[in-house]
Amino acid sequence: MRLQDPQLRGRTVHCPDCQGPVDIVESAGQLAAIVPQKPSPRVSPDPPLFGQTPDTGRSPWVWRIAGVVLVLLVTWMFWPESSRDRRRQPQPKPPQQGTEPAPSGPTVDPVAAPATDDEPPLITTQTRFAILYTTLLPALQREEMFPAAQSKSGLSWLGLLEQANPAAPPYRPGRPWTDVANDQFVRRRVEAYQLPGVPDLVGEDGYPASHLVGIAGVGRDATRLPATHPRAGIFSLIRRTRLDDVTDGLANTLLVSGARQQLGSWAAPGTATLRSLTTEPYIDGPDGLGTGEAGGMHVLLADGSVRWISADVDAVVLRRMAAMADGLTLDPQQSGDPLTLLAPGQPVPNDPRDPPLLVELAPEPPLYQVDVAVAQRLTRFEQSRPLPMRTLLAQWSELAALPVDVSHLTGEQLAVEYSLRRENVTLRELLDELVAQADIVAEYSDDVGVVLRPR
């Protein structure tokens, strides 16, 4: 260094010879100029990110792509799991116009569904029969006998059940069930004696109807047959049936059926609460049996079970079910019919081993004096309110004290309602005028009474 200026010690000055900066230092008592070394460029061990260009001169777009991929990967890894789950779940679709959304959960059979507080239980024909047998069961177990079809006080077997009901109004047994004193008892609708499939709630007698009838057996005289007769059923007007009397088996014997026609009060004895099989077809036929169910009907058997009987069942099988001691099974392949069986001790007709006695007997007097009965004259007869033909004929039969055979008429003919008003008329004139309205003719006989036939 040519210029030894102590003020330059430790400073960096421009060198006119090397055309660059030099550091002035003191060495061996003299000032010396030292050219500073250039630092070597720093090389990063990692590739540059986000647009930093390395000194090596490689193109930056490769690193940009790598950086974007890395950012997306990190973002996906740390995204909240619940957000991904929500995106995977399908969104509910709104119901289409005019339709309702399908209900969730299992489908419940409405018949088997339990009743809620706001919805009463569904009553079926089977339920009615089951409840009825539950009502009969205590007395049946205690007495080992079925109820009589009619009590000594004139009540039907259903009336007897209702008389034992502690919630029912009192019944006065010393008076007829039709007496005004018993109106509070008999003019109540008892739903337990009505079936859901039968629409008529009032009987032909004007009282709340029963849709339940006891089965008396086979034939028009079944209600008065002894228990050993092959056509006898459980219900009877002359006896009570013991459990041991049902020799065909309780599970094979009819106890109660439904009724759709010829309805009457549940308190009334007779047809209103008692039926026998008389005319085919037995289901939805002239006998008025039926439950309002299509294709057949349910029945209550003597063991308490409820069985479905098809309308196509063989009439012989149904007669076997109505008879309690015919000794026949319900197999349609087996021969035998209660209608053709003889009662114990009854002689075989035309038996060559028992020739008839040739003894001349006095002729029996006729059963009825029809001419005398129908010649009775009424001062006045008036029925202004139309009533079914069946009811009007029953009234005439009581006035004349003669039976009226309607077996040749249809249920429709007997159901048509008529009104009639006459003065100073005989019973024969009254009947002839009444049936003429329905295109029916009356035949009078001392042997049978009155027989009605279609004109």
Protein backbone atom coordinates (compact mmCIF):
# COMPACT_ATOMS: atom_id res chain seq x y z
CA MET A 1 0.00 0.00 0.00
CA ARG A 2 1.57 3.21 -1.12
CA LEU A 3 -0.33 5.56 1.12
CA GLN A 4 0.28 4.95 4.86
CA ASP A 5 -2.58 6.89 6.43
CA PRO A 6 -3.35 5.74 9.99
CA GLN A 7 -6.93 7.05 9.63
CA LEU A 8 -7.68 4.35 7.03
CA ARG A 9 -6.98 1.48 9.50
CA GLY A 10 -9.98 -0.87 9.74
CA ARG A 11 -11.84 0.69 6.84
CA THR A 12 -12.77 -0.56 3.38
CA VAL A 13 -11.74 1.68 0.56
CA HIS A 14 -11.80 1.53 -3.23
CA CYS A 15 -8.56 0.34 -4.81
CA PRO A 16 -7.71 2.22 -8.04
CA ASP A 17 -5.42 -0.64 -9.14
CA CYS A 18 -7.75 -3.65 -8.66
CA GLN A 19 -10.89 -1.64 -9.33
CA GLY A 20 -12.64 -3.09 -6.24
CA PRO A 21 -13.04 -2.72 -2.50
CA VAL A 22 -10.10 -3.60 -0.14
CA ASP A 23 -9.90 -3.86 3.64
CA ILE A 24 -7.17 -1.70 5.35
CA VAL A 25 -5.48 -3.65 8.13
CA GLU A 26 -2.24 -3.20 10.15
CA SER A 27 0.35 -5.90 9.61
CA ALA A 28 3.95 -5.78 11.04
CA GLY A 29 3.54 -2.12 11.99
CA GLN A 30 2.41 -1.08 8.54
CA LEU A 31 -0.96 -0.68 6.88
CA ALA A 32 -1.82 -3.27 4.26
CA ALA A 33 -4.73 -3.65 1.79
CA ILE A 34 -6.45 -7.01 1.65
CA VAL A 35 -8.96 -7.95 -1.07
CA PRO A 36 -12.03 -9.63 0.64
CA GLN A 37 -13.00 -13.15 -0.58
CA LYS A 38 -16.45 -13.62 -2.26
CA PRO A 39 -18.75 -16.05 -0.35
CA SER A 40 -19.73 -19.22 -2.21
CA PRO A 41 -23.44 -19.50 -3.19
CA ARG A 42 -25.66 -21.41 -0.67
CA VAL A 43 -27.20 -24.57 -2.02
CA SER A 44 -30.51 -25.64 -0.33
CA PRO A 45 -30.78 -29.32 0.37
CA ASP A 46 -34.57 -29.20 -0.38
CA PRO A 47 -36.25 -28.24 -3.61
CA PRO A 48 -37.63 -24.71 -3.69
CA LEU A 49 -41.38 -24.22 -3.07
CA PHE A 50 -43.99 -21.85 -4.38
CA GLY A 51 -42.11 -20.22 -7.22
CA GLN A 52 -38.52 -20.01 -5.76
CA THR A 53 -36.14 -20.69 -8.59
CA PRO A 54 -33.00 -22.60 -7.68
CA ASP A 55 -29.61 -21.37 -8.80
CA THR A 56 -29.24 -24.54 -10.82
CA GLY A 57 -31.55 -23.07 -13.47
CA ARG A 58 -34.26 -25.77 -13.48
CA SER A 59 -37.79 -24.79 -14.63
CA PRO A 60 -40.09 -23.67 -11.73
CA TRP A 61 -43.42 -25.18 -12.97
CA VAL A 62 -42.50 -28.72 -11.86
CA TRP A 63 -42.16 -27.57 -8.28
CA ARG A 64 -45.35 -25.60 -8.43
CA ILE A 65 -47.35 -28.70 -9.44
CA ALA A 66 -45.72 -30.73 -6.72
CA GLY A 67 -46.55 -28.08 -4.19
CA VAL A 68 -50.23 -27.95 -5.18
CA VAL A 69 -50.54 -31.76 -4.92
CA LEU A 70 -48.93 -31.69 -1.50
CA VAL A 71 -51.28 -28.97 -0.26
CA LEU A 72 -54.38 -30.90 -1.47
CA LEU A 73 -53.16 -34.09 0.18
CA VAL A 74 -52.57 -32.37 3.51
CA THR A 75 -55.94 -30.63 3.34
CA TRP A 76 -57.81 -33.93 2.73
CA MET A 77 -55.95 -35.71 5.55
CA PHE A 78 -56.87 -33.11 8.16
CA TRP A 79 -60.42 -32.28 6.97
CA PRO A 80 -63.08 -32.98 9.70
CA GLU A 81 -64.47 -36.52 9.49
CA SER A 82 -68.06 -35.42 10.15
CA SER A 83 -68.04 -33.21 7.06
CA ARG A 84 -67.04 -36.13 4.85
CA ASP A 85 -69.77 -38.30 6.41
CA ARG A 86 -72.38 -35.69 5.75
CA ARG A 87 -71.38 -35.51 2.10
CA ARG A 88 -71.69 -39.31 1.78
CA GLN A 89 -75.27 -39.44 3.19
CA PRO A 90 -78.00 -39.18 0.51
CA GLN A 91 -80.36 -36.31 1.01
CA PRO A 92 -84.11 -37.22 1.46
CA LYS A 93 -86.18 -36.69 -1.65
CA PRO A 94 -89.38 -34.68 -1.28
CA PRO A 95 -92.61 -36.65 -1.81
CA GLN A 96 -94.03 -36.54 -5.28
CA GLN A 97 -97.10 -34.46 -5.96
CA GLY A 98 -100.26 -36.27 -4.95
CA THR A 99 -98.57 -39.01 -2.90
CA GLU A 100 -97.66 -39.40 0.73
CA PRO A 101 -94.20 -40.41 1.94
CA ALA A 102 -93.89 -44.10 2.73
CA PRO A 103 -94.11 -44.84 6.47
CA SER A 104 -90.94 -45.89 8.20
CA GLY A 105 -90.63 -49.02 10.32
CA PRO A 106 -92.26 -52.45 9.93
CA THR A 107 -95.74 -52.81 8.50
CA VAL A 108 -98.29 -53.80 11.16
CA ASP A 109 -101.33 -55.91 10.43
CA PRO A 110 -104.31 -53.72 11.51
CA VAL A 111 -106.15 -56.72 12.88
CA ALA A 112 -103.25 -57.74 15.11
CA ALA A 113 -102.21 -54.23 16.07
CA PRO A 114 -102.73 -53.42 19.75
CA ALA A 115 -105.33 -50.82 20.53
CA THR A 116 -104.21 -47.38 21.62
CA ASP A 117 -105.93 -45.13 24.09
CA ASP A 118 -107.69 -43.29 21.28
CA GLU A 119 -108.56 -46.34 19.15
CA PRO A 120 -110.88 -49.13 20.36
CA PRO A 121 -109.87 -52.74 19.65
CA LEU A 122 -111.08 -54.20 16.37
CA ILE A 123 -114.02 -56.56 16.93
CA THR A 124 -114.40 -59.51 14.54
CA THR A 125 -116.88 -62.37 14.31
CA GLN A 126 -114.28 -64.68 15.82
CA THR A 127 -113.84 -62.30 18.76
CA ARG A 128 -117.59 -62.15 19.39
CA PHE A 129 -117.81 -65.96 19.53
CA ALA A 130 -114.76 -66.23 21.78
CA ILE A 131 -116.16 -63.66 24.22
CA LEU A 132 -119.53 -65.44 24.25
CA TYR A 133 -117.95 -68.77 25.17
CA THR A 134 -115.98 -67.06 27.93
CA THR A 135 -119.31 -65.86 29.34
CA LEU A 136 -120.82 -69.36 29.14
CA LEU A 137 -117.79 -71.14 30.55
CA PRO A 138 -118.16 -70.55 34.32
CA ALA A 139 -121.68 -72.04 34.48
CA LEU A 140 -120.66 -74.79 32.04
CA GLN A 141 -117.75 -75.84 34.25
CA ARG A 142 -119.82 -75.56 37.41
CA GLU A 143 -122.94 -77.42 36.21
CA GLU A 144 -121.46 -79.49 33.35
CA MET A 145 -124.58 -78.55 31.37
CA PHE A 146 -125.33 -76.14 28.56
CA PRO A 147 -128.04 -73.51 29.13
CA ALA A 148 -131.67 -74.17 28.28
CA ALA A 149 -132.99 -72.49 25.16
CA GLN A 150 -135.75 -70.90 27.23
CA SER A 151 -136.01 -70.18 30.94
CA LYS A 152 -139.08 -70.79 33.11
CA SER A 153 -139.66 -67.03 33.16
CA GLY A 154 -139.78 -66.93 29.37
CA LEU A 155 -136.31 -65.50 28.69
CA SER A 156 -134.06 -66.83 25.97
CA TRP A 157 -130.69 -68.33 26.80
CA LEU A 158 -129.07 -64.99 25.86
CA GLY A 159 -131.54 -63.26 28.16
CA LEU A 160 -130.43 -65.55 30.97
CA LEU A 161 -126.81 -64.58 30.35
CA GLU A 162 -127.74 -60.91 30.40
CA GLN A 163 -129.83 -61.37 33.55
CA ALA A 164 -126.67 -62.61 35.29
CA ASN A 165 -124.76 -59.52 34.12
CA PRO A 166 -124.28 -57.29 37.20
CA ALA A 167 -124.14 -54.19 35.00
CA ALA A 168 -127.55 -54.86 33.41
CA PRO A 169 -130.78 -53.24 34.67
CA PRO A 170 -132.93 -55.51 36.86
CA TYR A 171 -135.27 -58.00 35.21
CA ARG A 172 -138.66 -58.87 36.71
CA PRO A 173 -139.10 -62.63 36.14
CA GLY A 174 -142.68 -62.54 37.37
CA ARG A 175 -143.71 -60.64 34.22
CA PRO A 176 -143.24 -61.44 30.51
CA TRP A 177 -140.10 -60.13 28.90
CA THR A 178 -142.33 -57.99 26.64
CA ASP A 179 -143.95 -56.31 29.66
CA VAL A 180 -143.43 -52.56 30.04
CA ALA A 181 -141.87 -53.24 33.42
CA ASN A 182 -138.98 -55.01 31.65
CA ASP A 183 -138.46 -52.42 28.90
CA GLN A 184 -135.38 -51.00 30.56
CA PHE A 185 -133.86 -54.48 30.50
CA VAL A 186 -134.83 -55.71 27.02
CA ARG A 187 -134.76 -52.50 24.98
CA ARG A 188 -131.01 -52.13 25.28
CA ARG A 189 -128.68 -52.85 22.40
CA VAL A 190 -126.16 -55.45 23.64
CA GLU A 191 -123.19 -55.26 21.28
CA ALA A 192 -121.83 -58.58 22.58
CA TYR A 193 -124.79 -60.29 20.85
CA GLN A 194 -124.32 -58.56 17.50
CA LEU A 195 -121.84 -59.30 14.71
CA PRO A 196 -119.89 -56.66 12.76
CA GLY A 197 -120.90 -58.17 9.40
CA VAL A 198 -124.67 -58.00 9.97
CA PRO A 199 -126.02 -54.47 9.37
CA ASP A 200 -129.53 -54.88 10.85
CA LEU A 201 -129.46 -53.79 14.49
CA VAL A 202 -133.21 -53.96 15.14
CA GLY A 203 -135.24 -57.14 14.81
CA GLU A 204 -138.55 -57.67 13.06
CA ASP A 205 -140.24 -57.40 16.48
CA GLY A 206 -138.92 -53.85 16.96
CA TYR A 207 -136.47 -54.77 19.71
CA PRO A 208 -132.64 -54.54 19.57
CA ALA A 209 -131.68 -57.64 17.63
CA SER A 210 -129.49 -60.62 18.35
CA HIS A 211 -127.19 -61.93 15.61
CA LEU A 212 -126.35 -65.06 17.63
CA VAL A 213 -128.52 -68.20 17.64
CA GLY A 214 -128.11 -71.52 19.41
CA ILE A 215 -128.18 -74.60 17.19
CA ALA A 216 -131.00 -77.05 18.06
CA GLY A 217 -130.16 -79.83 15.57
CA VAL A 218 -131.63 -80.96 12.26
CA GLY A 219 -135.28 -80.71 11.22
CA ARG A 220 -138.27 -78.56 12.13
CA ASP A 221 -138.94 -80.60 15.27
CA ALA A 222 -135.34 -80.49 16.46
CA THR A 223 -136.10 -78.12 19.37
CA ARG A 224 -138.25 -80.81 21.04
CA LEU A 225 -136.21 -83.95 20.37
CA PRO A 226 -134.74 -86.02 23.23
CA ALA A 227 -131.00 -85.91 23.75
CA THR A 228 -130.53 -89.44 22.35
CA HIS A 229 -132.17 -88.68 19.02
CA PRO A 230 -129.69 -88.68 16.09
CA ARG A 231 -130.98 -85.29 14.89
CA ALA A 232 -130.93 -83.59 18.27
CA GLY A 233 -128.67 -80.60 18.87
CA ILE A 234 -127.37 -78.97 22.03
CA PHE A 235 -130.10 -76.34 22.51
CA SER A 236 -133.63 -77.52 23.24
CA LEU A 237 -136.96 -76.21 24.52
CA ILE A 238 -137.65 -79.35 26.61
CA ARG A 239 -134.29 -80.18 28.21
CA ARG A 240 -130.80 -79.07 29.12
CA THR A 241 -127.89 -80.82 27.46
CA ARG A 242 -125.16 -82.37 29.59
CA LEU A 243 -121.57 -82.52 28.43
CA ASP A 244 -121.84 -86.33 28.36
CA ASP A 245 -124.81 -86.09 25.98
CA VAL A 246 -122.54 -84.74 23.21
CA THR A 247 -121.22 -88.14 22.20
CA ASP A 248 -119.98 -86.96 18.79
CA GLY A 249 -117.35 -84.80 20.52
CA LEU A 250 -117.48 -81.18 21.61
CA ALA A 251 -115.01 -80.17 18.89
CA ASN A 252 -117.30 -81.65 16.19
CA THR A 253 -120.63 -80.18 17.34
CA LEU A 254 -122.15 -76.80 16.55
CA LEU A 255 -123.07 -74.64 19.53
CA VAL A 256 -123.79 -71.13 18.17
CA SER A 257 -124.11 -69.69 14.68
CA GLY A 258 -124.66 -66.23 13.30
CA ALA A 259 -128.01 -65.09 11.90
CA ARG A 260 -128.66 -62.52 9.17
CA GLN A 261 -132.42 -62.89 8.64
CA GLN A 262 -135.53 -63.47 10.77
CA LEU A 263 -133.91 -61.38 13.49
CA GLY A 264 -135.53 -60.68 16.83
CA SER A 265 -134.81 -59.58 20.36
CA TRP A 266 -131.92 -61.20 22.19
CA ALA A 267 -134.37 -61.75 25.08
CA ALA A 268 -136.94 -63.59 22.94
CA PRO A 269 -137.10 -67.39 22.94
CA GLY A 270 -137.71 -69.19 19.67
CA THR A 271 -136.43 -68.25 16.22
CA ALA A 272 -134.78 -65.01 17.36
CA THR A 273 -132.21 -66.95 19.43
CA LEU A 274 -132.67 -70.58 18.34
CA ARG A 275 -132.38 -72.25 14.92
CA SER A 276 -132.24 -75.74 13.44
CA LEU A 277 -131.13 -76.83 9.99
CA THR A 278 -134.26 -77.29 7.89
CA THR A 279 -133.73 -76.15 4.30
CA GLU A 280 -130.66 -76.15 2.07
CA PRO A 281 -128.50 -74.20 1.48
CA TYR A 282 -127.90 -73.80 5.19
CA ILE A 283 -125.45 -70.88 4.91
CA ASP A 284 -127.12 -67.67 3.71
CA GLY A 285 -130.21 -69.68 2.87
CA PRO A 286 -133.86 -69.90 3.98
CA ASP A 287 -132.94 -70.69 7.58
CA GLY A 288 -131.42 -67.22 7.87
CA LEU A 289 -128.03 -68.42 9.11
CA GLY A 290 -124.94 -66.34 8.23
CA THR A 291 -122.45 -63.86 9.61
CA GLY A 292 -122.18 -61.42 6.72
CA GLU A 293 -118.84 -62.91 5.66
CA ALA A 294 -118.22 -63.73 2.02
CA GLY A 295 -117.93 -67.36 0.98
CA GLY A 296 -119.03 -68.92 4.26
CA MET A 297 -119.27 -68.16 7.96
CA HIS A 298 -117.55 -68.67 11.29
CA VAL A 299 -119.28 -70.82 13.91
CA LEU A 300 -118.74 -71.50 17.61
CA LEU A 301 -118.24 -75.16 18.50
CA ALA A 302 -119.14 -76.79 21.81
CA ASP A 303 -115.51 -76.93 22.94
CA GLY A 304 -115.13 -73.15 22.59
CA SER A 305 -113.19 -73.20 19.32
CA VAL A 306 -114.19 -71.01 16.37
CA ARG A 307 -114.16 -72.65 12.95
CA TRP A 308 -114.63 -71.36 9.41
CA ILE A 309 -117.21 -73.23 7.33
CA SER A 310 -117.18 -72.67 3.60
CA ALA A 311 -120.44 -72.12 1.76
CA ASP A 312 -119.40 -75.02 -0.48
CA VAL A 313 -119.32 -77.56 2.35
CA ASP A 314 -121.36 -80.72 1.85
CA ALA A 315 -124.80 -80.29 3.44
CA VAL A 316 -124.50 -83.76 5.02
CA VAL A 317 -121.34 -82.70 6.87
CA LEU A 318 -123.08 -79.61 8.20
CA ARG A 319 -126.02 -81.72 9.39
CA ARG A 320 -123.58 -84.00 11.23
CA MET A 321 -122.10 -80.97 12.95
CA ALA A 322 -125.55 -79.76 14.04
CA ALA A 323 -126.43 -83.19 15.50
CA MET A 324 -124.64 -84.03 18.73
CA ALA A 325 -125.20 -87.79 18.99
CA ASP A 326 -125.61 -89.24 15.49
CA GLY A 327 -122.45 -91.37 15.80
CA LEU A 328 -121.07 -90.05 12.49
CA THR A 329 -117.71 -88.42 11.81
CA LEU A 330 -117.18 -85.28 9.74
CA ASP A 331 -115.46 -87.26 6.98
CA PRO A 332 -117.49 -86.67 3.80
CA GLN A 333 -116.38 -90.09 2.52
CA GLN A 334 -118.24 -91.85 5.33
CA SER A 335 -121.83 -92.83 4.60
CA GLY A 336 -124.67 -91.82 6.86
CA ASP A 337 -126.97 -88.86 7.32
CA PRO A 338 -128.74 -87.72 10.52
CA LEU A 339 -131.89 -87.24 8.46
CA THR A 340 -132.14 -90.96 7.70
CA LEU A 341 -131.07 -92.34 11.09
CA LEU A 342 -133.65 -93.80 13.45
CA ALA A 343 -133.95 -92.87 17.08
CA PRO A 344 -133.19 -95.58 19.65
CA GLY A 345 -136.22 -97.84 20.00
CA GLN A 346 -137.88 -96.47 16.86
CA PRO A 347 -139.20 -99.33 14.69
CA VAL A 348 -137.76 -99.83 11.23
CA PRO A 349 -140.36 -98.83 8.64
CA ASN A 350 -141.60 -101.64 6.39
CA ASP A 351 -139.65 -104.26 8.33
CA PRO A 352 -140.84 -107.66 7.08
CA ARG A 353 -140.05 -109.15 10.47
CA ASP A 354 -142.64 -106.89 12.07
CA PRO A 355 -145.88 -107.11 10.05
CA PRO A 356 -148.51 -104.56 10.97
CA LEU A 357 -151.54 -105.55 13.01
CA LEU A 358 -154.64 -105.71 10.87
CA VAL A 359 -156.86 -104.05 13.40
CA GLU A 360 -159.36 -101.53 12.28
CA LEU A 361 -158.91 -98.37 14.26
CA ALA A 362 -161.26 -95.52 14.68
CA PRO A 363 -160.34 -92.55 12.53
CA GLU A 364 -158.48 -89.87 14.35
CA PRO A 365 -160.18 -86.53 14.60
CA PRO A 366 -158.59 -83.76 12.54
CA LEU A 367 -155.90 -81.71 14.21
CA TYR A 368 -157.56 -78.42 13.37
CA GLN A 369 -161.03 -77.11 12.65
CA VAL A 370 -159.89 -74.67 10.03
CA ASP A 371 -163.32 -73.62 8.79
CA VAL A 372 -164.41 -72.68 12.29
CA ALA A 373 -161.17 -70.84 13.03
CA VAL A 374 -161.06 -68.71 9.87
CA ALA A 375 -164.76 -67.87 10.10
CA GLN A 376 -164.15 -65.72 13.16
CA ARG A 377 -165.03 -62.13 12.41
CA LEU A 378 -163.02 -59.07 13.43
CA THR A 379 -164.72 -55.76 14.06
CA ARG A 380 -161.62 -53.94 12.97
CA PHE A 381 -158.03 -54.73 11.95
CA GLU A 382 -155.56 -51.93 11.39
CA GLN A 383 -151.82 -52.05 10.74
CA SER A 384 -150.89 -48.62 9.47
CA ARG A 385 -147.14 -48.98 9.88
CA PRO A 386 -145.73 -51.32 7.19
CA LEU A 387 -144.36 -54.58 8.59
CA PRO A 388 -142.65 -57.56 6.88
CA MET A 389 -144.96 -60.23 5.55
CA ARG A 390 -143.41 -62.71 7.99
CA THR A 391 -144.46 -60.56 10.97
CA LEU A 392 -147.99 -60.01 9.67
CA LEU A 393 -148.43 -63.74 9.10
CA ALA A 394 -147.27 -64.43 12.66
CA GLN A 395 -149.91 -62.00 13.97
CA TRP A 396 -152.62 -63.70 11.89
CA SER A 397 -151.50 -67.14 13.13
CA GLU A 398 -151.94 -66.02 16.72
CA LEU A 399 -155.40 -64.61 16.03
CA ALA A 400 -156.60 -67.78 14.27
CA ALA A 401 -154.71 -70.26 16.50
CA LEU A 402 -153.59 -72.04 13.31
CA PRO A 403 -150.10 -72.85 12.02
CA VAL A 404 -149.03 -71.16 8.80
CA ASP A 405 -146.56 -73.08 6.60
CA VAL A 406 -144.29 -70.62 4.70
CA SER A 407 -141.68 -73.16 3.58
CA HIS A 408 -142.68 -72.72 -0.08
CA LEU A 409 -141.98 -68.97 -0.01
CA THR A 410 -138.67 -67.20 -0.49
CA GLY A 411 -136.99 -65.01 2.06
CA GLU A 412 -137.50 -62.02 -0.23
CA GLN A 413 -141.27 -62.60 -0.35
CA LEU A 414 -141.42 -62.77 3.44
CA ALA A 415 -139.30 -59.66 3.89
CA VAL A 416 -141.51 -57.30 1.82
CA GLU A 417 -143.39 -54.87 4.07
CA TYR A 418 -147.15 -54.29 3.86
CA SER A 419 -149.83 -52.37 5.72
CA LEU A 420 -153.51 -53.34 5.98
CA ARG A 421 -156.71 -51.85 7.34
CA ARG A 422 -160.10 -53.62 7.28
CA GLU A 423 -163.34 -53.49 9.22
CA ASN A 424 -165.94 -56.21 9.83
CA VAL A 425 -163.84 -58.91 8.17
CA THR A 426 -163.35 -62.64 8.79
CA LEU A 427 -159.90 -64.06 9.40
CA ARG A 428 -160.05 -65.90 6.08
CA GLU A 429 -160.93 -62.72 4.18
CA LEU A 430 -158.15 -60.88 6.01
CA LEU A 431 -155.50 -63.49 5.14
CA ASP A 432 -156.60 -63.82 1.51
CA GLU A 433 -156.40 -60.06 1.02
CA LEU A 434 -153.02 -59.86 2.74
CA VAL A 435 -151.29 -62.60 0.71
CA ALA A 436 -152.89 -61.42 -2.54
CA GLN A 437 -150.74 -58.29 -2.30
CA ALA A 438 -147.65 -60.54 -2.54
CA ASP A 439 -149.09 -62.76 -5.29
CA ILE A 440 -149.46 -65.67 -2.85
CA VAL A 441 -152.36 -68.10 -2.41
CA ALA A 442 -153.46 -69.75 0.84
CA GLU A 443 -154.55 -73.39 1.11
CA TYR A 444 -156.63 -74.40 4.14
CA SER A 445 -156.56 -77.92 5.59
CA ASP A 446 -157.74 -79.51 8.84
CA ASP A 447 -154.59 -81.65 8.85
CA VAL A 448 -151.90 -79.00 8.50
CA GLY A 449 -153.66 -75.66 9.02
CA VAL A 450 -152.70 -73.10 6.36
CA VAL A 451 -150.13 -73.60 3.58
CA LEU A 452 -148.96 -70.62 1.53
CA ARG A 453 -147.67 -71.06 -2.00
CA PRO A 454 -146.59 -68.65 -4.76
CA ARG A 455 -149.38 -67.98 -7.20
